[in-house]
Amino acid sequence: MPRKTTTPDFETALAELEQLVERMESGNQTLEEALRSFQRGIELARACQEGLKEAEQRVEKLVQQNGVVTTEPYQGNDSA
């Protein structure tokens, strides 16, 4: 019976992806388990990318609604 895969929300997908990475890095999986983990990881990474894309579109729409259309790349806070 094939396992049903679902598309979780961003936070859930990210948490599951982090767990998969930890399991894979441990080296305690069989080859088949590692391949299944890798496949699920790809699905989760795509779900995260889609979630981020949707969030960006929502933010841009909100900014446009307020009459200000400026989009700048995030620079982060590099001051340490």
C-alpha atoms as a PDB file:
ATOM      1  CA  MET A   1       0.000   0.000   0.000  1.00  0.00           C
ATOM      2  CA  PRO A   2       1.610   3.308  -1.076  1.00  0.00           C
ATOM      3  CA  ARG A   3       2.149   5.915   1.598  1.00  0.00           C
ATOM      4  CA  LYS A   4      -0.001   9.018   1.176  1.00  0.00           C
ATOM      5  CA  THR A   5       2.075  12.176   1.158  1.00  0.00           C
ATOM      6  CA  THR A   6       0.541  15.441   2.158  1.00  0.00           C
ATOM      7  CA  THR A   7       1.698  18.995   1.674  1.00  0.00           C
ATOM      8  CA  PRO A   8       2.125  20.504   5.142  1.00  0.00           C
ATOM      9  CA  ASP A   9       2.250  24.192   5.967  1.00  0.00           C
ATOM     10  CA  PHE A  10       5.622  25.944   5.827  1.00  0.00           C
ATOM     11  CA  GLU A  11       6.575  25.548   9.493  1.00  0.00           C
ATOM     12  CA  THR A  12       5.601  21.871   9.590  1.00  0.00           C
ATOM     13  CA  ALA A  13       7.435  21.154   6.334  1.00  0.00           C
ATOM     14  CA  LEU A  14      10.566  22.918   7.555  1.00  0.00           C
ATOM     15  CA  ALA A  15      10.547  21.043  10.869  1.00  0.00           C
ATOM     16  CA  GLU A  16      10.099  17.693   9.115  1.00  0.00           C
ATOM     17  CA  LEU A  17      12.838  18.565   6.644  1.00  0.00           C
ATOM     18  CA  GLU A  18      15.224  19.365   9.510  1.00  0.00           C
ATOM     19  CA  GLN A  19      14.421  16.005  11.118  1.00  0.00           C
ATOM     20  CA  LEU A  20      15.038  14.195   7.829  1.00  0.00           C
ATOM     21  CA  VAL A  21      18.406  15.897   7.433  1.00  0.00           C
ATOM     22  CA  GLU A  22      19.415  14.879  10.969  1.00  0.00           C
ATOM     23  CA  ARG A  23      18.446  11.251  10.310  1.00  0.00           C
ATOM     24  CA  MET A  24      20.278  11.190   7.004  1.00  0.00           C
ATOM     25  CA  GLU A  25      23.383  12.794   8.488  1.00  0.00           C
ATOM     26  CA  SER A  26      23.438  10.207  11.278  1.00  0.00           C
ATOM     27  CA  GLY A  27      24.289   7.525   8.731  1.00  0.00           C
ATOM     28  CA  ASN A  28      22.053   4.997  10.477  1.00  0.00           C
ATOM     29  CA  GLN A  29      19.658   4.474   7.573  1.00  0.00           C
ATOM     30  CA  THR A  30      19.671   1.722   5.014  1.00  0.00           C
ATOM     31  CA  LEU A  31      20.083   2.760   1.410  1.00  0.00           C
ATOM     32  CA  GLU A  32      16.349   2.314   0.799  1.00  0.00           C
ATOM     33  CA  GLU A  33      15.464   4.404   3.865  1.00  0.00           C
ATOM     34  CA  ALA A  34      17.896   7.112   2.784  1.00  0.00           C
ATOM     35  CA  LEU A  35      16.372   7.191  -0.700  1.00  0.00           C
ATOM     36  CA  ARG A  36      12.862   7.514   0.763  1.00  0.00           C
ATOM     37  CA  SER A  37      14.111  10.272   3.070  1.00  0.00           C
ATOM     38  CA  PHE A  38      15.740  12.053   0.151  1.00  0.00           C
ATOM     39  CA  GLN A  39      12.552  11.848  -1.916  1.00  0.00           C
ATOM     40  CA  ARG A  40      10.461  13.178   0.976  1.00  0.00           C
ATOM     41  CA  GLY A  41      13.055  15.898   1.535  1.00  0.00           C
ATOM     42  CA  ILE A  42      12.675  17.055  -2.068  1.00  0.00           C
ATOM     43  CA  GLU A  43       8.887  17.194  -1.622  1.00  0.00           C
ATOM     44  CA  LEU A  44       9.245  19.186   1.590  1.00  0.00           C
ATOM     45  CA  ALA A  45      11.807  21.577   0.095  1.00  0.00           C
ATOM     46  CA  ARG A  46       9.434  22.274  -2.786  1.00  0.00           C
ATOM     47  CA  ALA A  47       6.580  22.847  -0.327  1.00  0.00           C
ATOM     48  CA  CYS A  48       8.773  25.324   1.588  1.00  0.00           C
ATOM     49  CA  GLN A  49       9.741  27.136  -1.619  1.00  0.00           C
ATOM     50  CA  GLU A  50       6.083  27.377  -2.626  1.00  0.00           C
ATOM     51  CA  GLY A  51       5.134  28.654   0.836  1.00  0.00           C
ATOM     52  CA  LEU A  52       7.794  31.356   0.660  1.00  0.00           C
ATOM     53  CA  LYS A  53       6.722  32.319  -2.847  1.00  0.00           C
ATOM     54  CA  GLU A  54       3.096  32.654  -1.741  1.00  0.00           C
ATOM     55  CA  ALA A  55       4.108  34.734   1.274  1.00  0.00           C
ATOM     56  CA  GLU A  56       6.182  37.041  -0.920  1.00  0.00           C
ATOM     57  CA  GLN A  57       3.242  37.505  -3.296  1.00  0.00           C
ATOM     58  CA  ARG A  58       0.928  38.329  -0.390  1.00  0.00           C
ATOM     59  CA  VAL A  59       3.387  40.912   0.959  1.00  0.00           C
ATOM     60  CA  GLU A  60       3.771  42.502  -2.473  1.00  0.00           C
ATOM     61  CA  LYS A  61      -0.005  42.678  -2.829  1.00  0.00           C
ATOM     62  CA  LEU A  62      -0.336  44.339   0.573  1.00  0.00           C
ATOM     63  CA  VAL A  63       2.373  46.848  -0.278  1.00  0.00           C
ATOM     64  CA  GLN A  64       0.655  47.667  -3.584  1.00  0.00           C
ATOM     65  CA  GLN A  65      -2.679  48.146  -1.806  1.00  0.00           C
ATOM     66  CA  ASN A  66      -1.084  50.779   0.400  1.00  0.00           C
ATOM     67  CA  GLY A  67       0.099  52.715  -2.643  1.00  0.00           C
ATOM     68  CA  VAL A  68       3.776  51.985  -2.201  1.00  0.00           C
ATOM     69  CA  VAL A  69       5.385  49.698  -4.749  1.00  0.00           C
ATOM     70  CA  THR A  70       8.949  49.144  -3.629  1.00  0.00           C
ATOM     71  CA  THR A  71      10.629  45.787  -3.424  1.00  0.00           C
ATOM     72  CA  GLU A  72      14.146  45.505  -2.074  1.00  0.00           C
ATOM     73  CA  PRO A  73      16.121  42.324  -1.475  1.00  0.00           C
ATOM     74  CA  TYR A  74      16.565  41.411   2.163  1.00  0.00           C
ATOM     75  CA  GLN A  75      20.060  42.332   3.303  1.00  0.00           C
ATOM     76  CA  GLY A  76      19.937  40.737   6.738  1.00  0.00           C
ATOM     77  CA  ASN A  77      21.596  42.051   9.828  1.00  0.00           C
ATOM     78  CA  ASP A  78      25.296  41.385   9.406  1.00  0.00           C
ATOM     79  CA  SER A  79      26.414  43.583  12.290  1.00  0.00           C
ATOM     80  CA  ALA A  80      27.904  41.413  15.007  1.00  0.00           C
END
